């Protein structure tokens, strides 16, 4: 009888403990030195491309199913790749200025997954909180997983993050407009 009571007590204690502290999924740390974030911004009559470095990141899995993720981007590493020399240096500096990303006071941007829905085998519809310049907005995008690689494409509306320089909403001459949306393509290695 004592063994039965002791067994019931231990089952209750450890059973409640398991409910109170569910096992987290497996977090796979992203290899920042082998991962890339590429940006493309559009203007009337052209575009510019470049890169930004990941500072840290991880994807969370339940078995082989993606269930979460969080990333920190080093905004001070904004780099233009379609220009050279003075033009490149001027654009890099301007993107870091208060007209755009204010990297002196906002050196990082973050993305935290808030909802992940599996569409097909390794394709996911993700909703996340993207924070740029201290402003957090929800964003939706697709993620594809292939072994230890993941790819995502995001379209970001810069106006939501108070980046209004030469935007159409503030009366800029049409030939000087910079489109409000820019693209990010993220290739991750884990």
N, C-alpha and C. Protein backbone atom coordinates (compact mmCIF):
# COMPACT_ATOMS: atom_id res chain seq x y z
N UNK A 1 0.82 -1.19 0.00
CA UNK A 1 0.00 0.00 0.00
C UNK A 1 0.87 1.26 0.00
N UNK A 2 1.96 1.23 0.82
CA UNK A 2 2.85 2.39 0.86
C UNK A 2 3.49 2.63 -0.51
N UNK A 3 3.87 1.55 -1.21
CA UNK A 3 4.47 1.69 -2.54
C UNK A 3 3.48 2.33 -3.51
N UNK A 4 2.22 1.96 -3.43
CA UNK A 4 1.20 2.50 -4.33
C UNK A 4 1.02 4.00 -4.07
N UNK A 5 0.95 4.40 -2.81
CA UNK A 5 0.79 5.81 -2.46
C UNK A 5 2.02 6.60 -2.90
N UNK A 6 3.21 6.04 -2.65
CA UNK A 6 4.44 6.71 -3.08
C UNK A 6 4.49 6.84 -4.60
N UNK A 7 4.10 5.79 -5.32
CA UNK A 7 4.09 5.83 -6.79
C UNK A 7 3.12 6.89 -7.29
N UNK A 8 1.93 6.96 -6.68
CA UNK A 8 0.94 7.97 -7.08
C UNK A 8 1.46 9.38 -6.80
N UNK A 9 2.11 9.55 -5.65
CA UNK A 9 2.64 10.87 -5.30
C UNK A 9 3.73 11.29 -6.28
N UNK A 10 4.66 10.38 -6.58
CA UNK A 10 5.73 10.71 -7.53
C UNK A 10 5.18 10.99 -8.93
N UNK A 11 4.19 10.19 -9.35
CA UNK A 11 3.58 10.41 -10.65
C UNK A 11 2.91 11.78 -10.70
N UNK A 12 2.23 12.14 -9.63
CA UNK A 12 1.56 13.44 -9.59
C UNK A 12 2.57 14.58 -9.63
N UNK A 13 3.65 14.45 -8.84
CA UNK A 13 4.66 15.51 -8.79
C UNK A 13 5.35 15.67 -10.14
N UNK A 14 5.86 14.55 -10.69
CA UNK A 14 6.59 14.64 -11.96
C UNK A 14 5.65 14.90 -13.13
N UNK A 15 4.45 14.41 -13.07
CA UNK A 15 3.46 14.67 -14.12
C UNK A 15 3.12 16.14 -14.18
N UNK A 16 2.89 16.78 -13.01
CA UNK A 16 2.59 18.21 -12.98
C UNK A 16 3.80 19.02 -13.40
N UNK A 17 4.98 18.55 -13.02
CA UNK A 17 6.19 19.26 -13.42
C UNK A 17 6.34 19.27 -14.94
N UNK A 18 6.03 18.15 -15.58
CA UNK A 18 6.14 18.09 -17.03
C UNK A 18 5.14 19.01 -17.71
N UNK A 19 3.95 19.13 -17.12
CA UNK A 19 2.94 20.03 -17.69
C UNK A 19 3.36 21.48 -17.49
N UNK A 20 3.89 21.81 -16.33
CA UNK A 20 4.28 23.18 -16.03
C UNK A 20 5.50 23.61 -16.85
N UNK A 21 6.39 22.66 -17.19
CA UNK A 21 7.60 22.98 -17.95
C UNK A 21 7.68 22.09 -19.18
N UNK A 22 6.89 22.38 -20.21
CA UNK A 22 6.94 21.52 -21.40
C UNK A 22 8.32 21.57 -22.04
N UNK A 23 8.68 20.48 -22.67
CA UNK A 23 9.98 20.41 -23.34
C UNK A 23 9.96 21.33 -24.55
N UNK A 24 10.92 22.22 -24.62
CA UNK A 24 11.04 23.13 -25.76
C UNK A 24 11.49 22.34 -26.98
N UNK A 25 11.19 22.88 -28.15
CA UNK A 25 11.69 22.28 -29.38
C UNK A 25 13.19 22.46 -29.47
N UNK A 26 13.78 21.83 -30.47
CA UNK A 26 15.22 21.94 -30.67
C UNK A 26 15.54 23.25 -31.38
N UNK A 27 16.42 24.04 -30.79
CA UNK A 27 16.86 25.29 -31.42
C UNK A 27 18.14 25.01 -32.20
N UNK A 28 18.11 25.40 -33.47
CA UNK A 28 19.29 25.27 -34.31
C UNK A 28 19.86 26.66 -34.53
N UNK A 29 21.06 26.86 -34.05
CA UNK A 29 21.72 28.15 -34.19
C UNK A 29 22.16 28.35 -35.64
N UNK A 30 21.93 29.54 -36.14
CA UNK A 30 22.30 29.88 -37.50
C UNK A 30 23.79 30.23 -37.53
N UNK A 31 24.48 29.73 -38.53
CA UNK A 31 25.90 30.06 -38.74
C UNK A 31 25.94 31.42 -39.44
N UNK A 32 26.15 32.46 -38.67
CA UNK A 32 26.08 33.82 -39.22
C UNK A 32 27.14 34.08 -40.28
N UNK A 33 28.28 33.43 -40.17
CA UNK A 33 29.35 33.65 -41.14
C UNK A 33 29.09 32.96 -42.48
N UNK A 34 28.12 32.05 -42.52
CA UNK A 34 27.79 31.34 -43.76
C UNK A 34 26.40 31.69 -44.26
N UNK A 35 25.69 32.56 -43.55
CA UNK A 35 24.34 32.98 -43.93
C UNK A 35 24.39 34.37 -44.55
N UNK A 36 23.41 34.67 -45.41
CA UNK A 36 23.40 35.98 -46.06
C UNK A 36 22.01 36.63 -45.98
N UNK A 37 22.03 37.94 -45.85
CA UNK A 37 20.82 38.76 -45.98
C UNK A 37 21.11 39.75 -47.10
N UNK A 38 20.35 39.65 -48.18
CA UNK A 38 20.53 40.52 -49.33
C UNK A 38 19.32 41.44 -49.44
N UNK A 39 19.56 42.71 -49.69
CA UNK A 39 18.46 43.66 -49.85
C UNK A 39 18.44 44.22 -51.27
N UNK A 40 17.24 44.63 -51.69
CA UNK A 40 17.09 45.32 -52.97
C UNK A 40 16.05 46.41 -52.77
N UNK A 41 16.45 47.65 -53.08
CA UNK A 41 15.56 48.81 -52.95
C UNK A 41 15.37 49.41 -54.33
N UNK A 42 14.17 49.95 -54.55
CA UNK A 42 13.80 50.42 -55.88
C UNK A 42 13.57 51.93 -55.87
N UNK A 43 13.91 52.55 -56.99
CA UNK A 43 13.66 53.97 -57.19
C UNK A 43 13.18 54.14 -58.62
N UNK A 44 12.64 55.31 -58.92
CA UNK A 44 12.23 55.57 -60.29
C UNK A 44 13.46 55.43 -61.19
N UNK A 45 13.35 54.55 -62.16
CA UNK A 45 14.45 54.38 -63.11
C UNK A 45 15.56 53.46 -62.66
N UNK A 46 15.38 52.71 -61.58
CA UNK A 46 16.45 51.81 -61.19
C UNK A 46 16.27 51.17 -59.83
N UNK A 47 17.37 50.64 -59.33
CA UNK A 47 17.36 49.97 -58.03
C UNK A 47 18.79 49.90 -57.51
N UNK A 48 18.91 49.54 -56.26
CA UNK A 48 20.22 49.28 -55.65
C UNK A 48 20.12 47.99 -54.87
N UNK A 49 21.24 47.28 -54.76
CA UNK A 49 21.29 46.03 -54.02
C UNK A 49 22.45 46.07 -53.03
N UNK A 50 22.34 45.18 -52.05
CA UNK A 50 23.41 45.11 -51.06
C UNK A 50 23.19 43.99 -50.07
N UNK A 51 23.97 44.03 -49.00
CA UNK A 51 23.90 43.00 -47.96
C UNK A 51 23.85 43.66 -46.59
N UNK A 52 23.42 42.86 -45.62
CA UNK A 52 23.45 43.22 -44.19
C UNK A 52 23.85 41.95 -43.46
N UNK A 53 24.68 42.06 -42.44
CA UNK A 53 25.14 40.88 -41.71
C UNK A 53 24.18 40.50 -40.58
N UNK A 54 24.00 39.19 -40.43
CA UNK A 54 23.28 38.67 -39.26
C UNK A 54 24.23 38.73 -38.06
N UNK A 55 23.71 39.18 -36.94
CA UNK A 55 24.49 39.18 -35.70
C UNK A 55 24.29 37.86 -34.96
N UNK A 56 23.03 37.38 -34.95
CA UNK A 56 22.71 36.10 -34.33
C UNK A 56 21.37 35.62 -34.87
N UNK A 57 21.10 34.34 -34.68
CA UNK A 57 19.83 33.81 -35.13
C UNK A 57 19.69 32.35 -34.79
N UNK A 58 18.43 31.91 -34.70
CA UNK A 58 18.13 30.50 -34.44
C UNK A 58 16.75 30.18 -34.98
N UNK A 59 16.61 28.96 -35.46
CA UNK A 59 15.31 28.43 -35.83
C UNK A 59 14.96 27.33 -34.84
N UNK A 60 13.69 27.24 -34.49
CA UNK A 60 13.25 26.24 -33.52
C UNK A 60 12.39 25.21 -34.23
N UNK A 61 12.66 23.93 -33.92
CA UNK A 61 11.96 22.83 -34.55
C UNK A 61 11.33 21.93 -33.51
N UNK A 62 10.19 21.35 -33.87
CA UNK A 62 9.57 20.27 -33.12
C UNK A 62 9.70 19.05 -34.02
N UNK A 63 10.67 18.21 -33.74
CA UNK A 63 11.02 17.16 -34.68
C UNK A 63 11.63 17.81 -35.91
N UNK A 64 11.02 17.59 -37.08
CA UNK A 64 11.51 18.23 -38.30
C UNK A 64 10.64 19.40 -38.71
N UNK A 65 9.65 19.74 -37.90
CA UNK A 65 8.72 20.81 -38.22
C UNK A 65 9.19 22.14 -37.62
N UNK A 66 9.26 23.17 -38.46
CA UNK A 66 9.62 24.51 -38.00
C UNK A 66 8.51 25.06 -37.11
N UNK A 67 8.88 25.56 -35.93
CA UNK A 67 7.87 26.11 -35.00
C UNK A 67 8.21 27.52 -34.52
N UNK A 68 9.43 28.01 -34.76
CA UNK A 68 9.78 29.34 -34.29
C UNK A 68 11.12 29.80 -34.83
N UNK A 69 11.44 31.05 -34.54
CA UNK A 69 12.71 31.60 -34.96
C UNK A 69 12.90 32.99 -34.40
N UNK A 70 14.15 33.39 -34.27
CA UNK A 70 14.47 34.75 -33.84
C UNK A 70 15.84 35.14 -34.37
N UNK A 71 15.93 36.41 -34.80
CA UNK A 71 17.14 36.88 -35.47
C UNK A 71 17.47 38.30 -35.05
N UNK A 72 18.76 38.60 -35.04
CA UNK A 72 19.24 39.96 -34.82
C UNK A 72 20.15 40.30 -36.00
N UNK A 73 19.87 41.44 -36.63
CA UNK A 73 20.63 41.90 -37.79
C UNK A 73 21.47 43.11 -37.37
N UNK A 74 22.73 43.13 -37.77
CA UNK A 74 23.64 44.23 -37.47
C UNK A 74 23.47 45.32 -38.53
N UNK A 75 22.64 46.31 -38.24
CA UNK A 75 22.32 47.35 -39.22
C UNK A 75 23.52 48.22 -39.57
N UNK A 76 24.55 48.22 -38.74
CA UNK A 76 25.74 49.03 -39.04
C UNK A 76 26.54 48.44 -40.19
N UNK A 77 26.18 47.22 -40.63
CA UNK A 77 26.92 46.56 -41.71
C UNK A 77 26.24 46.74 -43.07
N UNK A 78 25.28 47.64 -43.18
CA UNK A 78 24.62 47.87 -44.47
C UNK A 78 25.70 48.14 -45.52
N UNK A 79 25.63 47.39 -46.60
CA UNK A 79 26.67 47.44 -47.62
C UNK A 79 26.00 47.43 -48.99
N UNK A 80 26.34 48.40 -49.82
CA UNK A 80 25.83 48.46 -51.19
C UNK A 80 26.77 47.64 -52.08
N UNK A 81 26.20 46.74 -52.88
CA UNK A 81 27.04 45.88 -53.71
C UNK A 81 26.98 46.22 -55.19
N UNK A 82 26.10 47.13 -55.61
CA UNK A 82 26.00 47.45 -57.04
C UNK A 82 26.74 48.74 -57.40
N UNK A 83 27.38 49.35 -56.43
CA UNK A 83 28.15 50.57 -56.68
C UNK A 83 29.58 50.39 -56.19
N UNK A 84 30.47 51.29 -56.63
CA UNK A 84 31.85 51.26 -56.17
C UNK A 84 32.32 52.68 -55.86
N UNK A 85 33.42 52.76 -55.15
CA UNK A 85 34.06 54.04 -54.90
C UNK A 85 33.22 55.02 -54.11
N UNK A 86 33.29 56.31 -54.52
CA UNK A 86 32.59 57.37 -53.80
C UNK A 86 31.08 57.18 -53.78
N UNK A 87 30.49 56.70 -54.90
CA UNK A 87 29.05 56.51 -54.95
C UNK A 87 28.61 55.48 -53.92
N UNK A 88 29.37 54.39 -53.81
CA UNK A 88 29.07 53.35 -52.83
C UNK A 88 29.19 53.91 -51.42
N UNK A 89 30.29 54.59 -51.13
CA UNK A 89 30.51 55.13 -49.79
C UNK A 89 29.43 56.13 -49.40
N UNK A 90 29.01 56.96 -50.36
CA UNK A 90 27.96 57.95 -50.07
C UNK A 90 26.63 57.26 -49.77
N UNK A 91 26.27 56.27 -50.59
CA UNK A 91 25.00 55.58 -50.35
C UNK A 91 25.04 54.79 -49.05
N UNK A 92 26.13 54.09 -48.77
CA UNK A 92 26.25 53.36 -47.50
C UNK A 92 26.07 54.31 -46.32
N UNK A 93 26.74 55.45 -46.37
CA UNK A 93 26.63 56.44 -45.30
C UNK A 93 25.22 57.00 -45.18
N UNK A 94 24.59 57.25 -46.32
CA UNK A 94 23.23 57.80 -46.30
C UNK A 94 22.24 56.78 -45.73
N UNK A 95 22.39 55.51 -46.07
CA UNK A 95 21.50 54.48 -45.53
C UNK A 95 21.65 54.34 -44.02
N UNK A 96 22.84 54.61 -43.50
CA UNK A 96 23.07 54.54 -42.06
C UNK A 96 22.61 55.80 -41.33
N UNK A 97 22.33 56.86 -42.07
CA UNK A 97 21.96 58.15 -41.47
C UNK A 97 20.51 58.16 -40.98
N UNK A 98 20.13 59.27 -40.36
CA UNK A 98 18.77 59.42 -39.84
C UNK A 98 17.72 59.50 -40.94
N UNK A 99 18.13 59.77 -42.19
CA UNK A 99 17.17 59.73 -43.30
C UNK A 99 16.63 58.32 -43.52
N UNK A 100 17.42 57.32 -43.16
CA UNK A 100 17.02 55.93 -43.38
C UNK A 100 17.01 55.14 -42.06
N UNK A 101 18.08 54.42 -41.74
CA UNK A 101 18.03 53.45 -40.64
C UNK A 101 18.60 53.93 -39.31
N UNK A 102 19.14 55.12 -39.23
CA UNK A 102 19.63 55.68 -37.96
C UNK A 102 20.47 54.66 -37.18
N UNK A 103 21.49 54.12 -37.81
CA UNK A 103 22.23 53.02 -37.19
C UNK A 103 23.04 53.44 -35.96
N UNK A 104 23.35 54.72 -35.81
CA UNK A 104 24.08 55.15 -34.61
C UNK A 104 23.22 54.93 -33.37
N UNK A 105 21.93 55.19 -33.46
CA UNK A 105 21.05 55.01 -32.31
C UNK A 105 20.25 53.71 -32.38
N UNK A 106 20.26 53.05 -33.52
CA UNK A 106 19.53 51.78 -33.71
C UNK A 106 20.43 50.79 -34.44
N UNK A 107 21.47 50.29 -33.75
CA UNK A 107 22.46 49.46 -34.44
C UNK A 107 21.96 48.07 -34.85
N UNK A 108 20.82 47.63 -34.30
CA UNK A 108 20.31 46.31 -34.67
C UNK A 108 18.84 46.39 -35.04
N UNK A 109 18.42 45.41 -35.81
CA UNK A 109 17.01 45.16 -36.11
C UNK A 109 16.74 43.71 -35.69
N UNK A 110 15.50 43.40 -35.34
CA UNK A 110 15.19 42.04 -34.90
C UNK A 110 13.96 41.50 -35.61
N UNK A 111 13.91 40.19 -35.70
CA UNK A 111 12.75 39.49 -36.22
C UNK A 111 12.48 38.30 -35.31
N UNK A 112 11.25 38.24 -34.78
CA UNK A 112 10.84 37.14 -33.90
C UNK A 112 9.58 36.52 -34.49
N UNK A 113 9.62 35.22 -34.77
CA UNK A 113 8.45 34.53 -35.31
C UNK A 113 7.37 34.50 -34.24
N UNK A 114 6.14 34.83 -34.62
CA UNK A 114 5.00 34.76 -33.69
C UNK A 114 4.02 33.66 -34.06
N UNK A 115 4.03 33.22 -35.32
CA UNK A 115 3.16 32.14 -35.76
C UNK A 115 3.78 31.46 -36.97
N UNK A 116 3.76 30.13 -36.97
CA UNK A 116 4.32 29.36 -38.07
C UNK A 116 3.30 28.31 -38.47
N UNK A 117 2.92 28.31 -39.76
CA UNK A 117 1.98 27.31 -40.27
C UNK A 117 2.62 26.58 -41.43
N UNK A 118 2.60 25.26 -41.35
CA UNK A 118 3.20 24.46 -42.41
C UNK A 118 2.23 24.37 -43.58
N UNK A 119 2.70 24.71 -44.79
CA UNK A 119 1.88 24.61 -45.99
C UNK A 119 2.06 23.26 -46.66
N UNK A 120 3.27 22.92 -46.94
CA UNK A 120 3.62 21.64 -47.55
C UNK A 120 4.78 21.07 -46.76
N UNK A 121 5.40 20.04 -47.28
CA UNK A 121 6.47 19.36 -46.56
C UNK A 121 7.41 20.31 -45.84
N UNK A 122 8.11 21.16 -46.59
CA UNK A 122 9.12 22.02 -45.99
C UNK A 122 8.87 23.49 -46.27
N UNK A 123 7.63 23.86 -46.59
CA UNK A 123 7.26 25.25 -46.85
C UNK A 123 6.35 25.74 -45.73
N UNK A 124 6.66 26.94 -45.24
CA UNK A 124 5.94 27.48 -44.09
C UNK A 124 5.48 28.90 -44.35
N UNK A 125 4.30 29.23 -43.84
CA UNK A 125 3.79 30.60 -43.84
C UNK A 125 4.07 31.14 -42.45
N UNK A 126 4.89 32.18 -42.36
CA UNK A 126 5.35 32.69 -41.07
C UNK A 126 4.85 34.12 -40.86
N UNK A 127 4.42 34.39 -39.64
CA UNK A 127 4.13 35.75 -39.20
C UNK A 127 5.15 36.07 -38.12
N UNK A 128 5.71 37.27 -38.17
CA UNK A 128 6.71 37.64 -37.19
C UNK A 128 6.63 39.10 -36.83
N UNK A 129 7.28 39.45 -35.75
CA UNK A 129 7.42 40.85 -35.33
C UNK A 129 8.79 41.34 -35.80
N UNK A 130 8.77 42.29 -36.74
CA UNK A 130 9.99 42.89 -37.26
C UNK A 130 10.17 44.25 -36.59
N UNK A 131 11.33 44.45 -35.97
CA UNK A 131 11.63 45.72 -35.30
C UNK A 131 12.78 46.40 -36.03
N UNK A 132 12.49 47.60 -36.54
CA UNK A 132 13.50 48.44 -37.20
C UNK A 132 13.36 49.83 -36.58
N UNK A 133 14.47 50.44 -36.20
CA UNK A 133 14.48 51.78 -35.57
C UNK A 133 13.59 51.83 -34.34
N UNK A 134 13.53 50.72 -33.60
CA UNK A 134 12.73 50.67 -32.37
C UNK A 134 11.23 50.54 -32.60
N UNK A 135 10.80 50.40 -33.84
CA UNK A 135 9.39 50.28 -34.18
C UNK A 135 9.12 48.83 -34.58
N UNK A 136 8.13 48.21 -33.93
CA UNK A 136 7.79 46.82 -34.18
C UNK A 136 6.47 46.72 -34.93
N UNK A 137 6.49 46.00 -36.03
CA UNK A 137 5.30 45.76 -36.85
C UNK A 137 5.27 44.29 -37.25
N UNK A 138 4.07 43.78 -37.42
CA UNK A 138 3.89 42.40 -37.86
C UNK A 138 4.16 42.30 -39.36
N UNK A 139 4.76 41.18 -39.77
CA UNK A 139 5.07 40.95 -41.17
C UNK A 139 4.85 39.47 -41.48
N UNK A 140 4.38 39.18 -42.71
CA UNK A 140 4.17 37.80 -43.14
C UNK A 140 5.12 37.49 -44.29
N UNK A 141 5.61 36.24 -44.30
CA UNK A 141 6.54 35.82 -45.34
C UNK A 141 6.60 34.31 -45.38
N UNK A 142 7.21 33.77 -46.42
CA UNK A 142 7.36 32.32 -46.58
C UNK A 142 8.77 31.90 -46.23
N UNK A 143 8.88 30.71 -45.65
CA UNK A 143 10.18 30.12 -45.33
C UNK A 143 10.20 28.72 -45.93
N UNK A 144 11.31 28.39 -46.57
CA UNK A 144 11.54 27.06 -47.11
C UNK A 144 12.71 26.43 -46.37
N UNK A 145 12.53 25.19 -45.92
CA UNK A 145 13.58 24.47 -45.20
C UNK A 145 14.07 23.31 -46.06
N UNK A 146 15.39 23.17 -46.19
CA UNK A 146 15.99 22.06 -46.93
C UNK A 146 17.20 21.59 -46.15
N UNK A 147 17.00 20.58 -45.32
CA UNK A 147 18.09 20.08 -44.47
C UNK A 147 18.55 21.14 -43.51
N UNK A 148 19.83 21.51 -43.58
CA UNK A 148 20.38 22.54 -42.70
C UNK A 148 20.39 23.91 -43.35
N UNK A 149 19.53 24.11 -44.35
CA UNK A 149 19.41 25.40 -45.02
C UNK A 149 17.97 25.89 -44.93
N UNK A 150 17.83 27.19 -44.87
CA UNK A 150 16.50 27.81 -44.89
C UNK A 150 16.58 29.07 -45.74
N UNK A 151 15.50 29.35 -46.45
CA UNK A 151 15.43 30.53 -47.31
C UNK A 151 14.12 31.25 -47.04
N UNK A 152 14.19 32.58 -46.98
CA UNK A 152 12.98 33.39 -46.80
C UNK A 152 13.08 34.63 -47.67
N UNK A 153 11.93 35.10 -48.12
CA UNK A 153 11.85 36.36 -48.88
C UNK A 153 10.83 37.24 -48.19
N UNK A 154 11.23 38.48 -47.90
CA UNK A 154 10.35 39.42 -47.23
C UNK A 154 10.23 40.69 -48.05
N UNK A 155 9.05 41.27 -48.06
CA UNK A 155 8.84 42.59 -48.65
C UNK A 155 8.50 43.52 -47.48
N UNK A 156 9.34 44.54 -47.27
CA UNK A 156 9.21 45.42 -46.11
C UNK A 156 8.75 46.80 -46.58
N UNK A 157 7.71 47.31 -45.93
CA UNK A 157 7.23 48.67 -46.19
C UNK A 157 7.96 49.61 -45.24
N UNK A 158 8.92 50.37 -45.76
CA UNK A 158 9.78 51.21 -44.92
C UNK A 158 9.00 52.31 -44.20
N UNK A 159 7.87 52.74 -44.75
CA UNK A 159 7.08 53.81 -44.13
C UNK A 159 6.60 53.39 -42.74
N UNK A 160 6.32 52.11 -42.55
CA UNK A 160 5.86 51.60 -41.25
C UNK A 160 6.93 51.78 -40.17
N UNK A 161 8.18 51.96 -40.59
CA UNK A 161 9.30 52.09 -39.66
C UNK A 161 9.86 53.51 -39.66
N UNK A 162 9.05 54.46 -40.06
CA UNK A 162 9.39 55.88 -40.06
C UNK A 162 10.62 56.17 -40.92
N UNK A 163 10.70 55.50 -42.08
CA UNK A 163 11.75 55.77 -43.05
C UNK A 163 11.05 56.38 -44.26
N UNK A 164 10.94 57.70 -44.25
CA UNK A 164 10.11 58.39 -45.23
C UNK A 164 10.88 59.21 -46.26
N UNK A 165 12.20 59.14 -46.23
CA UNK A 165 13.02 59.94 -47.13
C UNK A 165 12.63 59.67 -48.59
N UNK A 166 12.28 60.73 -49.32
CA UNK A 166 11.90 60.68 -50.73
C UNK A 166 10.81 59.64 -51.03
N UNK A 167 9.88 59.52 -50.09
CA UNK A 167 8.73 58.65 -50.28
C UNK A 167 7.63 59.41 -51.01
N UNK A 168 6.82 58.71 -51.74
CA UNK A 168 5.72 59.33 -52.46
C UNK A 168 4.68 59.96 -51.56
N UNK A 169 4.66 59.56 -50.29
CA UNK A 169 3.61 60.09 -49.41
C UNK A 169 3.94 61.47 -48.86
N UNK A 170 5.15 61.96 -49.08
CA UNK A 170 5.47 63.28 -48.53
C UNK A 170 5.71 64.32 -49.62
N UNK A 171 5.23 64.05 -50.82
CA UNK A 171 5.25 65.07 -51.87
C UNK A 171 6.54 65.22 -52.63
N UNK A 172 7.37 64.22 -52.66
CA UNK A 172 8.61 64.28 -53.42
C UNK A 172 8.29 64.30 -54.92
N UNK A 173 9.08 65.03 -55.69
CA UNK A 173 8.89 65.03 -57.14
C UNK A 173 8.99 63.61 -57.67
N UNK A 174 8.11 63.26 -58.61
CA UNK A 174 8.02 61.87 -59.07
C UNK A 174 9.33 61.31 -59.60
N UNK A 175 10.17 62.13 -60.20
CA UNK A 175 11.42 61.60 -60.74
C UNK A 175 12.47 61.37 -59.65
N UNK A 176 12.19 61.75 -58.43
CA UNK A 176 13.11 61.56 -57.31
C UNK A 176 12.63 60.49 -56.32
N UNK A 177 11.50 59.86 -56.61
CA UNK A 177 10.89 58.92 -55.67
C UNK A 177 11.73 57.67 -55.43
N UNK A 178 11.72 57.24 -54.19
CA UNK A 178 12.25 55.95 -53.81
C UNK A 178 11.04 55.14 -53.37
N UNK A 179 10.89 53.94 -53.91
CA UNK A 179 9.72 53.13 -53.59
C UNK A 179 9.67 52.83 -52.10
N UNK A 180 8.45 52.70 -51.59
CA UNK A 180 8.27 52.48 -50.16
C UNK A 180 8.66 51.07 -49.73
N UNK A 181 8.54 50.10 -50.62
CA UNK A 181 8.86 48.72 -50.27
C UNK A 181 10.27 48.35 -50.72
N UNK A 182 10.95 47.57 -49.89
CA UNK A 182 12.22 46.99 -50.31
C UNK A 182 12.17 45.50 -50.01
N UNK A 183 13.00 44.74 -50.71
CA UNK A 183 13.00 43.28 -50.57
C UNK A 183 14.20 42.82 -49.76
N UNK A 184 13.97 41.76 -48.99
CA UNK A 184 15.05 41.06 -48.29
C UNK A 184 14.99 39.60 -48.70
N UNK A 185 16.12 39.03 -49.08
CA UNK A 185 16.22 37.61 -49.34
C UNK A 185 17.23 37.07 -48.34
N UNK A 186 16.78 36.10 -47.55
CA UNK A 186 17.60 35.56 -46.46
C UNK A 186 17.94 34.10 -46.75
N UNK A 187 19.21 33.78 -46.78
CA UNK A 187 19.67 32.40 -46.94
C UNK A 187 20.43 32.02 -45.68
N UNK A 188 19.89 31.03 -44.97
CA UNK A 188 20.45 30.65 -43.68
C UNK A 188 21.12 29.28 -43.75
N UNK A 189 22.23 29.17 -43.05
CA UNK A 189 22.92 27.89 -42.85
C UNK A 189 22.91 27.58 -41.36
N UNK A 190 22.53 26.35 -41.01
CA UNK A 190 22.49 25.97 -39.59
C UNK A 190 23.53 24.91 -39.29
